[in-house]
N, C-alpha and C. Protein backbone atom coordinates (compact mmCIF):
# COMPACT_ATOMS: atom_id res chain seq x y z
N MET A 1 6.32 50.71 14.15
CA MET A 1 4.82 51.19 13.12
C MET A 1 3.83 50.88 14.37
N ARG A 2 2.60 51.90 14.39
CA ARG A 2 1.80 51.95 15.28
C ARG A 2 0.95 51.34 15.43
N HIS A 3 0.46 50.35 15.96
CA HIS A 3 -0.91 49.46 15.98
C HIS A 3 -1.63 50.10 16.22
N GLY A 4 -3.01 49.72 15.89
CA GLY A 4 -4.19 50.36 16.03
C GLY A 4 -4.79 49.83 17.85
N LYS A 5 -6.17 50.32 18.13
CA LYS A 5 -6.71 49.85 19.29
C LYS A 5 -7.00 48.40 19.78
N LYS A 6 -7.29 47.73 18.53
CA LYS A 6 -7.95 46.70 18.89
C LYS A 6 -6.66 45.76 19.05
N TYR A 7 -5.58 45.73 18.20
CA TYR A 7 -4.23 45.11 18.31
C TYR A 7 -4.09 45.31 19.92
N ARG A 8 -3.73 46.66 20.25
CA ARG A 8 -2.70 46.65 21.72
C ARG A 8 -3.76 46.34 22.43
N GLU A 9 -4.99 46.09 22.71
CA GLU A 9 -6.15 45.41 23.66
C GLU A 9 -5.95 43.77 23.71
N SER A 10 -5.70 43.53 22.16
CA SER A 10 -5.59 41.92 22.17
C SER A 10 -4.45 41.27 22.71
N ILE A 11 -2.88 42.25 22.56
CA ILE A 11 -1.42 41.72 23.24
C ILE A 11 -2.09 41.58 24.58
N LYS A 12 -2.83 42.40 24.73
CA LYS A 12 -2.97 41.85 26.51
C LYS A 12 -2.85 40.50 27.04
N LYS A 13 -3.52 39.73 26.50
CA LYS A 13 -4.25 38.80 26.47
C LYS A 13 -3.31 37.46 26.64
N TYR A 14 -2.17 38.25 26.80
CA TYR A 14 -0.67 36.84 26.46
C TYR A 14 0.96 37.64 26.96
N ASP A 15 1.83 36.60 27.54
CA ASP A 15 2.89 37.09 27.75
C ASP A 15 3.79 36.84 26.77
N PRO A 16 4.54 37.93 26.11
CA PRO A 16 5.49 37.60 24.72
C PRO A 16 6.49 36.52 25.31
N ALA A 17 7.16 36.68 26.72
CA ALA A 17 8.24 35.84 26.90
C ALA A 17 7.21 34.18 27.68
N THR A 18 6.35 34.09 27.37
CA THR A 18 6.21 32.99 27.88
C THR A 18 6.03 31.59 26.54
N THR A 19 6.14 30.22 27.08
CA THR A 19 6.16 29.26 25.90
C THR A 19 4.96 28.68 26.82
N TYR A 20 4.07 28.37 25.92
CA TYR A 20 3.05 27.95 26.38
C TYR A 20 2.54 26.56 25.76
N GLU A 21 1.84 25.35 26.44
CA GLU A 21 1.91 23.91 26.09
C GLU A 21 0.50 24.12 25.08
N LEU A 22 0.96 23.41 23.87
CA LEU A 22 0.42 23.60 22.80
C LEU A 22 -1.35 24.00 22.44
N LYS A 23 -1.86 23.23 23.70
CA LYS A 23 -3.37 23.70 23.53
C LYS A 23 -3.75 24.94 23.82
N GLN A 24 -2.92 25.50 25.14
CA GLN A 24 -3.35 26.96 25.49
C GLN A 24 -2.43 27.43 24.96
N ALA A 25 -1.51 27.58 23.60
CA ALA A 25 -0.98 28.34 23.00
C ALA A 25 -1.97 28.70 21.69
N VAL A 26 -2.73 27.65 21.37
CA VAL A 26 -3.98 27.79 20.12
C VAL A 26 -4.86 28.71 21.05
N GLU A 27 -5.42 28.24 22.00
CA GLU A 27 -6.46 29.22 22.43
C GLU A 27 -5.82 30.65 22.82
N THR A 28 -4.83 30.90 22.98
CA THR A 28 -4.40 32.50 23.23
C THR A 28 -4.48 33.19 22.28
N VAL A 29 -3.81 32.32 21.15
CA VAL A 29 -4.40 32.73 19.93
C VAL A 29 -5.59 33.36 19.03
N LYS A 30 -6.46 32.56 19.40
CA LYS A 30 -7.39 32.40 19.05
C LYS A 30 -8.09 33.51 19.68
N SER A 31 -7.78 33.57 21.25
CA SER A 31 -8.30 34.61 21.68
C SER A 31 -7.89 36.09 21.38
N MET A 32 -7.10 36.51 20.80
CA MET A 32 -6.20 37.55 20.64
C MET A 32 -6.90 38.01 19.03
N ALA A 33 -7.22 37.21 18.41
CA ALA A 33 -7.93 37.24 17.05
C ALA A 33 -9.01 38.56 17.16
N PHE A 34 -8.76 39.33 16.20
CA PHE A 34 -9.95 40.44 16.35
C PHE A 34 -10.10 40.98 14.53
N ALA A 35 -10.05 40.75 14.12
CA ALA A 35 -10.11 40.34 12.81
C ALA A 35 -11.95 40.49 12.27
N LYS A 36 -12.61 40.85 11.26
CA LYS A 36 -13.82 41.02 11.09
C LYS A 36 -13.74 39.45 9.91
N PHE A 37 -12.71 39.29 9.68
CA PHE A 37 -12.56 37.45 8.29
C PHE A 37 -12.24 36.73 9.58
N ASP A 38 -12.43 35.57 9.14
CA ASP A 38 -12.05 34.50 9.38
C ASP A 38 -10.45 34.14 9.53
N GLU A 39 -9.53 34.77 10.77
CA GLU A 39 -7.87 34.77 10.51
C GLU A 39 -7.40 33.23 10.38
N THR A 40 -6.23 33.73 9.31
CA THR A 40 -5.71 31.80 9.15
C THR A 40 -4.25 31.65 10.36
N VAL A 41 -4.07 30.69 10.76
CA VAL A 41 -3.33 30.39 12.14
C VAL A 41 -2.04 30.00 11.14
N ASP A 42 -1.30 30.19 11.43
CA ASP A 42 0.32 29.97 11.17
C ASP A 42 1.06 29.88 11.86
N LEU A 43 2.46 28.40 11.06
CA LEU A 43 2.63 28.12 12.01
C LEU A 43 4.18 28.42 11.58
N SER A 44 5.08 28.41 12.70
CA SER A 44 6.47 28.81 12.19
C SER A 44 7.48 27.86 12.75
N VAL A 45 8.63 27.15 12.85
CA VAL A 45 8.67 26.34 13.58
C VAL A 45 10.65 26.86 12.81
N LYS A 46 11.37 26.68 13.79
CA LYS A 46 12.58 27.14 13.79
C LYS A 46 13.59 25.82 14.01
N LEU A 47 14.54 25.31 12.81
CA LEU A 47 15.23 24.69 13.11
C LEU A 47 16.73 24.55 12.90
N ASN A 48 17.50 23.69 13.25
CA ASN A 48 19.07 23.88 13.74
C ASN A 48 19.56 23.25 12.29
N LEU A 49 19.81 23.88 11.30
CA LEU A 49 19.79 23.48 10.32
C LEU A 49 21.40 23.99 9.48
N LYS A 50 22.74 23.42 9.02
CA LYS A 50 23.72 23.79 8.51
C LYS A 50 23.10 24.49 7.17
N LYS A 51 24.20 25.20 6.90
CA LYS A 51 23.62 26.26 5.19
C LYS A 51 23.26 24.96 4.22
N SER A 52 24.53 23.80 4.40
CA SER A 52 24.11 22.88 3.61
C SER A 52 23.03 21.76 4.19
N GLN A 53 22.08 22.01 4.74
CA GLN A 53 20.89 20.89 5.21
C GLN A 53 19.82 21.61 4.88
N THR A 54 18.74 20.90 4.53
CA THR A 54 17.69 21.39 4.42
C THR A 54 16.24 20.11 4.70
N VAL A 55 15.32 20.66 5.07
CA VAL A 55 14.19 19.98 5.37
C VAL A 55 13.11 20.34 4.39
N ARG A 56 12.63 19.58 3.58
CA ARG A 56 11.43 19.89 2.52
C ARG A 56 10.27 18.06 2.46
N ASP A 57 9.08 18.69 2.47
CA ASP A 57 8.67 17.01 2.53
C ASP A 57 6.88 18.01 2.19
N THR A 58 6.38 16.49 2.21
CA THR A 58 4.24 16.80 2.41
C THR A 58 4.04 16.23 3.62
N VAL A 59 2.98 16.96 3.46
CA VAL A 59 2.21 16.57 5.11
C VAL A 59 1.06 16.22 4.30
N VAL A 60 0.05 15.28 4.92
CA VAL A 60 -1.47 15.58 5.03
C VAL A 60 -2.33 15.62 6.17
N LEU A 61 -2.46 17.13 6.30
CA LEU A 61 -3.49 17.62 7.16
C LEU A 61 -4.81 17.10 8.13
N PRO A 62 -4.54 16.30 9.16
CA PRO A 62 -6.10 16.09 9.70
C PRO A 62 -7.22 16.52 9.46
N ASN A 63 -7.14 17.88 9.38
CA ASN A 63 -8.74 18.76 9.77
C ASN A 63 -8.21 19.63 8.58
N GLN A 64 -8.72 19.45 7.28
CA GLN A 64 -9.10 20.57 6.21
C GLN A 64 -9.76 22.18 6.86
N PHE A 65 -8.88 22.64 6.22
CA PHE A 65 -9.72 23.80 6.43
C PHE A 65 -9.71 25.16 4.98
N LYS A 66 -9.20 24.45 4.13
CA LYS A 66 -9.38 25.22 2.84
C LYS A 66 -10.49 24.97 2.37
N ALA A 67 -10.75 25.88 1.04
CA ALA A 67 -11.55 25.21 0.06
C ALA A 67 -10.60 24.86 -1.19
N GLU A 68 -11.57 23.62 -1.66
CA GLU A 68 -10.81 22.63 -2.28
C GLU A 68 -9.87 23.08 -3.61
N LYS A 69 -8.67 22.53 -3.89
CA LYS A 69 -7.82 23.34 -4.31
C LYS A 69 -7.91 22.33 -6.12
N ARG A 70 -7.72 23.59 -6.73
CA ARG A 70 -7.95 23.23 -8.23
C ARG A 70 -6.58 22.97 -8.63
N ILE A 71 -6.68 21.57 -9.10
CA ILE A 71 -5.60 21.07 -9.35
C ILE A 71 -5.08 20.86 -10.99
N LEU A 72 -3.85 21.42 -11.52
CA LEU A 72 -3.89 21.17 -13.04
C LEU A 72 -3.14 19.66 -13.16
N VAL A 73 -3.67 19.06 -14.05
CA VAL A 73 -2.55 17.82 -14.70
C VAL A 73 -1.89 18.08 -15.74
N PHE A 74 -0.58 17.87 -16.11
CA PHE A 74 0.01 17.85 -17.35
C PHE A 74 0.26 16.44 -17.12
N CYS A 75 -0.46 15.91 -18.58
CA CYS A 75 -0.21 14.38 -18.64
C CYS A 75 -0.49 14.71 -20.49
N LYS A 76 0.02 12.94 -21.08
CA LYS A 76 -0.44 12.47 -22.20
C LYS A 76 -2.01 12.35 -22.24
N SER A 77 -2.52 11.69 -23.74
CA SER A 77 -3.65 11.62 -23.76
C SER A 77 -4.29 10.29 -22.97
N GLU A 78 -3.20 9.28 -23.12
CA GLU A 78 -3.64 7.86 -22.72
C GLU A 78 -3.60 7.81 -21.01
N LYS A 79 -3.33 9.33 -20.53
CA LYS A 79 -3.43 9.48 -19.13
C LYS A 79 -4.67 10.36 -18.48
N GLU A 80 -5.42 10.79 -19.70
CA GLU A 80 -6.67 11.98 -19.56
C GLU A 80 -7.56 11.33 -18.38
N GLU A 81 -7.83 9.88 -19.00
CA GLU A 81 -8.66 9.78 -18.24
C GLU A 81 -8.70 9.59 -17.04
N GLU A 82 -8.18 8.95 -16.63
CA GLU A 82 -7.50 8.60 -15.06
C GLU A 82 -7.32 9.73 -13.78
N ALA A 83 -6.62 10.81 -15.01
CA ALA A 83 -7.08 12.42 -14.11
C ALA A 83 -7.97 12.75 -14.05
N LYS A 84 -9.11 13.02 -15.14
CA LYS A 84 -10.50 13.12 -14.93
C LYS A 84 -11.15 12.13 -14.23
N ALA A 85 -11.35 10.97 -13.56
CA ALA A 85 -11.36 10.42 -12.70
C ALA A 85 -11.33 10.48 -10.90
N ALA A 86 -9.93 11.20 -11.37
CA ALA A 86 -9.18 11.41 -10.24
C ALA A 86 -9.50 12.82 -9.47
N GLY A 87 -10.64 13.82 -10.37
CA GLY A 87 -10.85 14.98 -9.86
C GLY A 87 -10.05 16.22 -10.42
N ALA A 88 -9.24 15.91 -11.59
CA ALA A 88 -8.15 17.14 -11.98
C ALA A 88 -9.21 18.15 -12.23
N THR A 89 -8.65 19.53 -12.03
CA THR A 89 -9.41 20.87 -12.30
C THR A 89 -9.62 20.84 -13.98
N TYR A 90 -8.32 20.53 -14.12
CA TYR A 90 -7.92 20.94 -15.56
C TYR A 90 -6.56 20.26 -16.01
N ILE A 91 -6.35 19.39 -17.60
CA ILE A 91 -5.92 18.11 -17.93
C ILE A 91 -5.29 18.84 -19.41
N GLY A 92 -4.25 18.74 -19.54
CA GLY A 92 -3.78 18.75 -21.05
C GLY A 92 -2.27 18.57 -20.70
N SER A 93 -1.93 18.82 -21.92
CA SER A 93 -0.50 18.98 -22.36
C SER A 93 0.28 19.65 -22.95
N ASP A 94 0.49 20.37 -23.94
CA ASP A 94 1.05 21.14 -24.69
C ASP A 94 0.36 22.61 -24.85
N ASP A 95 -0.69 22.39 -24.89
CA ASP A 95 -2.37 23.17 -24.78
C ASP A 95 -1.86 24.67 -23.53
N LEU A 96 -1.76 23.26 -22.07
CA LEU A 96 -2.12 24.06 -20.75
C LEU A 96 -0.45 24.83 -20.80
N ILE A 97 0.76 24.06 -21.46
CA ILE A 97 1.75 24.99 -21.23
C ILE A 97 2.10 26.06 -22.09
N GLU A 98 1.03 26.25 -23.50
CA GLU A 98 1.16 27.53 -24.11
C GLU A 98 0.04 28.54 -23.41
N LYS A 99 -0.49 28.07 -22.81
CA LYS A 99 -1.23 28.46 -22.09
C LYS A 99 -0.89 29.65 -20.57
N ILE A 100 -0.17 28.70 -19.80
CA ILE A 100 0.62 29.30 -19.29
C ILE A 100 1.94 29.79 -19.78
N LYS A 101 2.15 29.75 -20.65
CA LYS A 101 3.68 30.77 -21.33
C LYS A 101 2.74 32.57 -21.25
N GLY A 102 1.59 32.39 -21.72
CA GLY A 102 0.75 33.32 -21.83
C GLY A 102 0.64 34.06 -20.73
N GLY A 103 0.55 33.50 -19.60
CA GLY A 103 0.31 34.39 -18.15
C GLY A 103 -0.67 33.63 -17.83
N TRP A 104 -1.26 33.04 -18.11
CA TRP A 104 -2.60 31.96 -17.18
C TRP A 104 -1.80 31.08 -15.77
N LEU A 105 -2.06 31.50 -14.73
CA LEU A 105 -1.98 30.88 -13.76
C LEU A 105 -3.64 30.57 -12.26
N ASP A 106 -4.65 30.33 -13.03
CA ASP A 106 -5.95 30.03 -12.22
C ASP A 106 -5.68 28.47 -12.09
N PHE A 107 -4.59 28.26 -11.37
CA PHE A 107 -4.95 26.75 -10.54
C PHE A 107 -3.88 26.78 -9.02
N ASP A 108 -4.57 25.91 -8.21
CA ASP A 108 -3.79 25.81 -6.85
C ASP A 108 -2.65 25.21 -7.16
N VAL A 109 -2.72 23.59 -7.67
CA VAL A 109 -1.38 22.70 -7.47
C VAL A 109 -1.01 21.79 -8.79
N ALA A 110 -0.16 22.11 -9.01
CA ALA A 110 0.07 21.01 -10.47
C ALA A 110 0.81 19.99 -10.40
N VAL A 111 0.48 18.84 -11.24
CA VAL A 111 0.91 17.75 -11.13
C VAL A 111 0.76 17.22 -12.39
N ALA A 112 1.97 16.55 -12.58
CA ALA A 112 2.75 16.15 -14.11
C ALA A 112 3.41 14.66 -13.85
N THR A 113 3.00 13.82 -15.40
CA THR A 113 3.67 12.57 -15.03
C THR A 113 4.78 12.86 -15.33
N PRO A 114 5.62 11.93 -15.28
CA PRO A 114 7.16 12.16 -15.70
C PRO A 114 7.62 12.33 -17.06
N ASP A 115 6.94 11.97 -18.49
CA ASP A 115 7.24 11.90 -19.36
C ASP A 115 7.06 13.15 -20.26
N MET A 116 6.43 14.08 -18.95
CA MET A 116 5.75 15.34 -19.63
C MET A 116 7.04 16.44 -18.65
N MET A 117 7.69 15.95 -17.85
CA MET A 117 8.92 16.74 -17.48
C MET A 117 9.62 17.52 -18.48
N LYS A 118 10.28 16.85 -19.47
CA LYS A 118 10.69 17.56 -20.40
C LYS A 118 10.45 19.01 -20.87
N ASP A 119 8.51 19.21 -20.91
CA ASP A 119 8.54 20.19 -21.69
C ASP A 119 7.53 20.94 -20.45
N VAL A 120 7.20 20.50 -19.43
CA VAL A 120 7.10 21.35 -18.33
C VAL A 120 8.16 22.51 -17.39
N GLY A 121 9.40 21.57 -17.88
CA GLY A 121 11.19 22.04 -17.28
C GLY A 121 10.78 23.29 -17.85
N LYS A 122 10.56 23.50 -19.02
CA LYS A 122 10.75 24.91 -19.85
C LYS A 122 9.92 26.41 -18.91
N LEU A 123 8.75 25.75 -18.12
CA LEU A 123 7.84 27.18 -17.23
C LEU A 123 8.65 26.92 -15.92
N GLY A 124 9.93 26.52 -16.15
CA GLY A 124 10.29 26.50 -14.66
C GLY A 124 10.82 28.02 -14.10
N MET A 125 10.64 29.07 -14.74
CA MET A 125 10.86 30.56 -14.54
C MET A 125 9.57 30.92 -13.97
N VAL A 126 8.55 30.31 -14.90
CA VAL A 126 7.10 30.96 -14.29
C VAL A 126 6.21 30.15 -13.15
N LEU A 127 6.58 28.80 -12.84
CA LEU A 127 5.69 28.38 -11.55
C LEU A 127 6.71 28.07 -11.21
N GLY A 128 8.36 28.24 -10.87
CA GLY A 128 9.15 28.02 -9.69
C GLY A 128 9.01 29.03 -8.96
N ARG A 129 8.70 30.83 -9.28
CA ARG A 129 8.34 31.58 -8.76
C ARG A 129 7.31 31.40 -7.99
N LYS A 130 6.08 30.96 -8.17
CA LYS A 130 4.95 30.85 -7.91
C LYS A 130 4.42 29.42 -7.19
N GLY A 131 6.34 28.75 -6.57
CA GLY A 131 6.19 27.57 -5.86
C GLY A 131 4.61 26.20 -7.12
N LEU A 132 4.46 26.48 -7.68
CA LEU A 132 4.07 25.26 -8.60
C LEU A 132 4.79 24.56 -9.38
N MET A 133 5.96 24.57 -9.55
CA MET A 133 6.18 23.34 -10.28
C MET A 133 6.23 22.38 -9.71
N PRO A 134 5.76 21.27 -10.52
CA PRO A 134 5.71 19.74 -9.95
C PRO A 134 7.09 19.35 -9.62
N ASN A 135 7.05 18.67 -8.56
CA ASN A 135 8.08 18.03 -8.14
C ASN A 135 8.15 16.93 -7.41
N PRO A 136 9.07 15.24 -8.19
CA PRO A 136 8.96 14.14 -7.52
C PRO A 136 9.23 14.11 -5.96
N LYS A 137 9.89 14.98 -5.15
CA LYS A 137 9.78 15.33 -3.72
C LYS A 137 8.57 15.40 -3.22
N THR A 138 7.59 15.97 -3.68
CA THR A 138 6.43 16.86 -3.14
C THR A 138 5.44 15.43 -3.94
N GLY A 139 5.71 14.58 -4.51
CA GLY A 139 4.79 13.62 -5.08
C GLY A 139 3.66 14.04 -6.24
N THR A 140 4.49 15.35 -7.10
CA THR A 140 3.39 16.06 -7.72
C THR A 140 4.27 15.52 -9.22
N VAL A 141 5.20 14.68 -9.18
CA VAL A 141 5.78 14.09 -10.63
C VAL A 141 5.44 12.79 -10.38
N THR A 142 4.75 12.10 -11.11
CA THR A 142 4.43 10.83 -10.69
C THR A 142 3.02 10.11 -12.05
N PHE A 143 3.37 8.62 -11.92
CA PHE A 143 2.37 8.11 -13.17
C PHE A 143 1.07 7.85 -12.64
N ASP A 144 1.29 8.19 -11.03
CA ASP A 144 -0.09 7.06 -10.16
C ASP A 144 -1.01 9.00 -9.66
N LEU A 145 -1.78 9.26 -10.51
CA LEU A 145 -2.39 10.16 -10.32
C LEU A 145 -3.76 9.78 -9.71
N LYS A 146 -3.86 8.82 -9.23
CA LYS A 146 -4.95 8.29 -9.04
C LYS A 146 -4.76 8.54 -7.56
N SER A 147 -3.67 8.15 -6.43
CA SER A 147 -3.36 8.27 -5.56
C SER A 147 -2.78 9.89 -5.16
N ALA A 148 -2.16 10.22 -6.50
CA ALA A 148 -1.63 11.86 -5.90
C ALA A 148 -2.54 12.66 -5.85
N LEU A 149 -3.68 12.65 -6.65
CA LEU A 149 -4.61 13.86 -6.29
C LEU A 149 -5.71 13.25 -5.40
N ALA A 150 -5.60 12.35 -5.06
CA ALA A 150 -6.21 11.76 -3.68
C ALA A 150 -6.07 12.30 -2.67
N GLU A 151 -4.80 12.33 -2.50
CA GLU A 151 -3.58 13.01 -1.35
C GLU A 151 -3.76 14.62 -1.31
N LEU A 152 -3.77 14.84 -2.59
CA LEU A 152 -3.66 16.21 -2.19
C LEU A 152 -5.34 16.73 -2.23
N LYS A 153 -6.20 16.33 -2.08
CA LYS A 153 -7.67 16.83 -2.04
C LYS A 153 -8.03 16.37 -0.43
N LYS A 154 -7.09 15.71 -0.06
CA LYS A 154 -7.19 15.39 1.42
C LYS A 154 -6.85 16.40 2.39
N GLY A 155 -5.91 17.39 1.73
CA GLY A 155 -5.52 18.04 2.53
C GLY A 155 -3.91 17.95 2.01
N ARG A 156 -2.98 17.37 1.22
CA ARG A 156 -1.66 17.20 1.58
C ARG A 156 -1.02 18.70 1.30
N VAL A 157 -0.25 19.42 1.98
CA VAL A 157 0.58 20.37 1.69
C VAL A 157 2.06 20.21 1.86
N GLU A 158 2.70 21.45 1.05
CA GLU A 158 4.02 20.94 1.34
C GLU A 158 4.61 21.75 2.28
N PHE A 159 5.78 21.64 2.71
CA PHE A 159 6.74 22.36 3.99
C PHE A 159 8.03 22.03 3.67
N ARG A 160 8.72 23.13 3.99
CA ARG A 160 9.77 22.97 3.67
C ARG A 160 10.86 24.32 4.29
N ALA A 161 11.61 24.56 4.51
CA ALA A 161 12.70 25.37 5.69
C ALA A 161 12.78 26.62 4.76
N ASP A 162 13.04 28.03 5.02
CA ASP A 162 13.64 28.89 4.25
C ASP A 162 14.96 28.87 4.60
N LYS A 163 15.65 29.67 3.94
CA LYS A 163 17.11 30.12 4.04
C LYS A 163 17.56 30.24 5.53
N THR A 164 16.81 30.63 6.39
CA THR A 164 16.98 31.06 7.89
C THR A 164 16.61 29.93 8.90
N GLY A 165 16.60 28.49 7.89
CA GLY A 165 16.03 27.20 8.72
C GLY A 165 14.59 27.43 9.30
N VAL A 166 13.70 28.29 8.91
CA VAL A 166 12.25 28.69 9.66
C VAL A 166 11.66 27.72 8.68
N VAL A 167 10.36 26.67 9.12
CA VAL A 167 9.56 26.24 8.10
C VAL A 167 8.22 27.01 9.01
N HIS A 168 7.86 27.66 7.60
CA HIS A 168 6.27 28.48 7.51
C HIS A 168 5.02 27.68 7.12
N LEU A 169 4.05 27.53 7.75
CA LEU A 169 2.65 26.94 7.55
C LEU A 169 1.42 27.17 8.10
N PRO A 170 0.59 27.55 6.98
CA PRO A 170 -0.86 27.51 7.57
C PRO A 170 -1.29 26.39 7.94
N VAL A 171 -2.04 26.61 9.56
CA VAL A 171 -2.65 24.87 9.67
C VAL A 171 -3.96 25.31 10.10
N GLY A 172 -4.69 26.60 9.82
CA GLY A 172 -6.24 26.69 10.08
C GLY A 172 -6.59 27.75 10.59
N LYS A 173 -7.86 27.45 10.74
CA LYS A 173 -8.52 29.15 10.84
C LYS A 173 -8.72 29.59 12.21
N VAL A 174 -9.38 30.23 12.59
CA VAL A 174 -9.38 31.18 14.42
C VAL A 174 -10.67 30.17 14.38
N SER A 175 -11.59 30.18 13.71
CA SER A 175 -13.23 29.54 13.76
C SER A 175 -12.76 28.12 14.32
N MET A 176 -12.08 27.50 13.86
CA MET A 176 -11.89 26.08 14.32
C MET A 176 -11.85 25.86 15.62
N ASP A 177 -11.62 24.26 16.19
CA ASP A 177 -11.76 24.03 17.23
C ASP A 177 -10.42 23.80 17.45
N VAL A 178 -9.95 24.30 18.89
CA VAL A 178 -9.01 24.47 19.14
C VAL A 178 -7.88 22.68 19.50
N ASP A 179 -8.84 21.70 19.18
CA ASP A 179 -8.23 20.24 19.17
C ASP A 179 -8.05 20.16 17.78
N LYS A 180 -8.68 20.67 17.25
CA LYS A 180 -8.28 20.69 15.67
C LYS A 180 -6.95 21.29 14.92
N ILE A 181 -6.85 22.78 15.99
CA ILE A 181 -5.85 23.07 15.00
C ILE A 181 -4.77 22.36 15.60
N ALA A 182 -4.41 21.67 17.05
CA ALA A 182 -3.57 21.77 17.60
C ALA A 182 -3.18 20.08 16.50
N GLU A 183 -3.82 19.75 16.70
CA GLU A 183 -3.86 17.92 15.55
C GLU A 183 -2.94 18.38 14.71
N ASN A 184 -3.20 19.33 13.83
CA ASN A 184 -2.64 19.73 12.64
C ASN A 184 -1.20 20.04 13.12
N ILE A 185 -1.16 21.11 13.97
CA ILE A 185 0.39 21.57 14.26
C ILE A 185 0.89 20.32 15.16
N SER A 186 0.56 19.20 15.51
CA SER A 186 1.33 18.19 16.15
C SER A 186 1.56 16.99 15.20
N THR A 187 0.39 17.52 13.33
CA THR A 187 1.36 16.50 12.85
C THR A 187 2.11 16.97 11.79
N VAL A 188 2.06 18.27 11.49
CA VAL A 188 3.26 18.97 11.12
C VAL A 188 4.89 18.56 11.90
N VAL A 189 4.69 19.11 12.64
CA VAL A 189 6.05 18.73 13.61
C VAL A 189 6.37 18.09 13.66
N SER A 190 5.58 16.50 13.90
CA SER A 190 6.21 14.98 13.71
C SER A 190 6.68 14.83 12.61
N GLU A 191 6.35 15.06 11.38
CA GLU A 191 6.52 15.02 10.17
C GLU A 191 7.90 15.87 9.85
N ILE A 192 8.37 17.19 10.29
CA ILE A 192 9.35 17.86 10.02
C ILE A 192 10.43 16.71 11.26
N LYS A 193 10.48 16.57 12.32
CA LYS A 193 10.81 15.62 13.12
C LYS A 193 11.02 14.43 12.37
N ARG A 194 10.82 13.85 11.71
CA ARG A 194 10.81 12.85 10.80
C ARG A 194 11.99 13.17 9.61
N LYS A 195 11.81 14.06 9.24
CA LYS A 195 12.90 15.11 8.02
C LYS A 195 14.07 15.48 8.72
N LYS A 196 14.19 15.04 9.75
CA LYS A 196 15.44 15.39 10.36
C LYS A 196 16.87 15.00 9.54
N PRO A 197 17.82 15.70 9.18
CA PRO A 197 19.12 15.51 8.34
C PRO A 197 19.73 14.47 8.89
N ALA A 198 20.38 13.26 8.61
CA ALA A 198 21.35 12.12 9.59
C ALA A 198 22.42 12.85 9.93
N ASP A 199 22.98 13.98 9.19
CA ASP A 199 24.17 14.60 9.77
C ASP A 199 23.66 15.75 11.21
N ALA A 200 22.59 16.36 10.87
CA ALA A 200 22.28 17.20 12.38
C ALA A 200 22.65 16.85 13.65
N LYS A 201 23.23 18.26 14.20
CA LYS A 201 23.54 17.70 15.22
C LYS A 201 22.78 18.77 16.44
N GLY A 202 23.21 18.42 17.53
CA GLY A 202 22.44 19.09 18.43
C GLY A 202 20.79 19.04 19.02
N GLU A 203 20.26 19.69 19.39
CA GLU A 203 18.83 20.32 19.16
C GLU A 203 17.97 20.63 17.82
N PHE A 204 17.48 20.38 17.08
CA PHE A 204 17.36 20.11 15.84
C PHE A 204 15.59 21.13 16.16
N ILE A 205 14.64 21.26 16.74
CA ILE A 205 13.52 22.21 16.66
C ILE A 205 13.92 23.03 17.47
N MET A 206 14.36 24.62 17.68
CA MET A 206 14.96 25.36 18.52
C MET A 206 13.68 26.17 18.83
N SER A 207 12.54 26.24 18.22
CA SER A 207 11.26 27.02 18.66
C SER A 207 10.36 27.30 17.42
N ILE A 208 9.23 27.13 18.49
CA ILE A 208 7.62 26.79 17.60
C ILE A 208 6.88 28.10 17.58
N SER A 209 6.30 29.09 16.99
CA SER A 209 5.52 29.69 17.27
C SER A 209 3.93 30.04 16.64
N ILE A 210 3.23 30.09 16.88
CA ILE A 210 1.82 30.04 16.39
C ILE A 210 1.01 31.46 16.44
N ALA A 211 0.51 32.06 15.14
CA ALA A 211 0.36 33.24 15.37
C ALA A 211 -1.16 33.06 14.15
N SER A 212 -1.98 34.13 14.59
CA SER A 212 -3.08 34.56 13.79
C SER A 212 -2.50 35.55 12.57
N THR A 213 -3.64 35.74 11.43
CA THR A 213 -2.96 36.64 10.60
C THR A 213 -2.79 38.04 11.19
N MET A 214 -3.72 38.85 12.10
CA MET A 214 -3.64 39.58 12.41
C MET A 214 -2.54 39.93 14.06
N SER A 215 -2.15 38.77 14.68
CA SER A 215 -1.49 38.82 15.72
C SER A 215 -0.27 38.66 15.83
N PRO A 216 0.51 39.18 16.80
CA PRO A 216 1.71 38.57 17.12
C PRO A 216 2.00 36.98 17.61
N GLY A 217 3.12 36.60 17.40
CA GLY A 217 3.06 35.45 17.69
C GLY A 217 3.23 34.83 18.90
N VAL A 218 2.67 33.76 19.74
CA VAL A 218 2.96 32.89 20.45
C VAL A 218 4.18 31.60 20.85
N TRP A 219 4.48 31.71 21.83
CA TRP A 219 5.51 30.64 22.04
C TRP A 219 5.05 29.36 22.55
N ALA A 220 5.08 28.22 21.70
CA ALA A 220 4.57 27.03 21.96
C ALA A 220 5.50 26.09 22.39
N VAL A 221 5.60 24.72 23.40
CA VAL A 221 6.06 23.84 23.24
C VAL A 221 5.24 22.53 23.37
N ILE A 222 5.53 21.54 22.46
CA ILE A 222 4.86 20.52 22.08
C ILE A 222 5.58 19.33 22.87
N ALA A 223 5.24 18.59 24.14
CA ALA A 223 5.28 17.60 24.60
C ALA A 223 6.63 16.16 24.17
N ASP A 224 6.30 15.54 23.11
CA ASP A 224 7.05 15.07 21.82
C ASP A 224 8.27 15.71 21.45
N THR A 225 8.25 16.59 21.14
CA THR A 225 9.72 17.30 20.54
C THR A 225 11.08 17.22 21.23
N ALA A 226 10.68 16.77 22.24
CA ALA A 226 12.01 17.00 22.98
C ALA A 226 12.96 15.60 22.44
N GLU A 227 14.25 16.27 22.09
CA GLU A 227 15.35 15.63 21.47
C GLU A 227 15.77 14.04 22.37
């Protein structure tokens, strides 16, 4: 693929064979951004996982960079006031399920009380494809709606390793301070390390790469990721 002039000029600002200290890597990514919009900074962490192993959890990023999430809550009538007080955007049960069956997906995250999951589970094909299915592992199936929504509003995001053992996650915008982006990255990497499978052998974190929407990846190292 032939890249444009701005891209070719931007990549002269880094050495693709070099692994940079975290803040320097973030600074390099920011310096290469050339789009007219505020590019997203993405993190990719390559893990040493067997096919039978997985890494999945949620993390609250210390520095927000996205618009407030539109949170949908599936619950029965007795929990509706709690969901409303916690700041849910949409609240309902069978009515929302039918609406989603009709193709409506105008929300960013879904939370469900456990007693709703038998019916919500019927939306598996729809919500699963979009990564919107409530899941106990990510704290989105719970009776404690107040705590769940508070964390989601603070910036809790899900991370999971794909089939190749790579965790991909947006961690900021190029307009953010270097320190704030670096803090988000360090927080994610620390949580990934915490989820290391008990039977994982050898070096767990193989590589860390940071890139903006339009830039190539920059290799990074975090001092405390050593095994």
